[in-house]
Amino acid sequence: MTTDPVGALRRERSELLRLCRDLSDEDWQRQSAAAGWRVQDVVANMGSAYRALVGPAALELMRSNDIERTNDALVDQRRDWLPTRVIAEYERWSQVMLRLIGPVSRTRLARAPMRLAELGRLRVSQLLCAIVFDTHTHLRHDIAPALGRAVPDSDADRMAVVLEWMMAVLSNQLHAARPEWLDRPVSITLSGPGGGCWVVGADGSVQFRIAIRYRGSDRRRRSAIPRAGNAAGELAATAR
């Protein structure tokens, strides 16, 4: 599956900045849906991650054995910042990230392996997928609902990037601790924007098979979904 994480990240960044520019001081201090974090802290988490990834702190993130604890430490360093400083950090370093890794995503270096904490080994290009996933999730589940704001729309391109990240992490998790029941291939079919079919191998590998077109209520597969083996288990879920 060919995705566009750079384009997806640009759109997610624009959505977040648009919402943040309209926040009052009270909004910034409101408790988000992320336990223990205010809205300001959620944005600080994203901005600090960008800054860390393009600086010396990148090694700390990559070598961490508990990325959640590392994130908490970065947020704690910013608890007393003014909201203007928090959003300025996010705006500046997210732009730096796009300028640096955007060109890299079009080279062979994009396929180079890297480690991201306990999440495992990934391709360099999937780092952008991780950031898109993070922004997409925080914005729609932790920030907008807590403020009583309408949840921003997404699209098939952004959801495809989000799912690429989720499947990469799933594969690493299964390789690290393969469940006993995974003794044969399992196919995962997700319908909806960005949907498709993936086959989980008995070894924990996750391979993309086909994309599924989605146009409102009109859901059509581009081709028949191949079976993952004669005795393959099938798991069908719906992403809406």
Foldseek 3Di string as FASTA:
>chain_A
DDADLLVLLVVLLVVVVVVLVPDDQVLQQFFWPPPPDGVLLLLLLLLLVLVCCVDPVVVVQQAAQDNVVVSVVSSVVCVPPRSVVSVVSNVVSSVVCSVVCVVVCPDPQQQDWGGGHNLGIDGNVLVSLVSLLSSLCCQQHTRQVSSVHDRDDDALNSVLSVVVNVLSSQLSVCQVPPDPVLQAKEKEFEWDRVTAIWIQGSNSHIGGDFHWDDDPVDIGTPDDDDDRDPPYHYDYDYDD
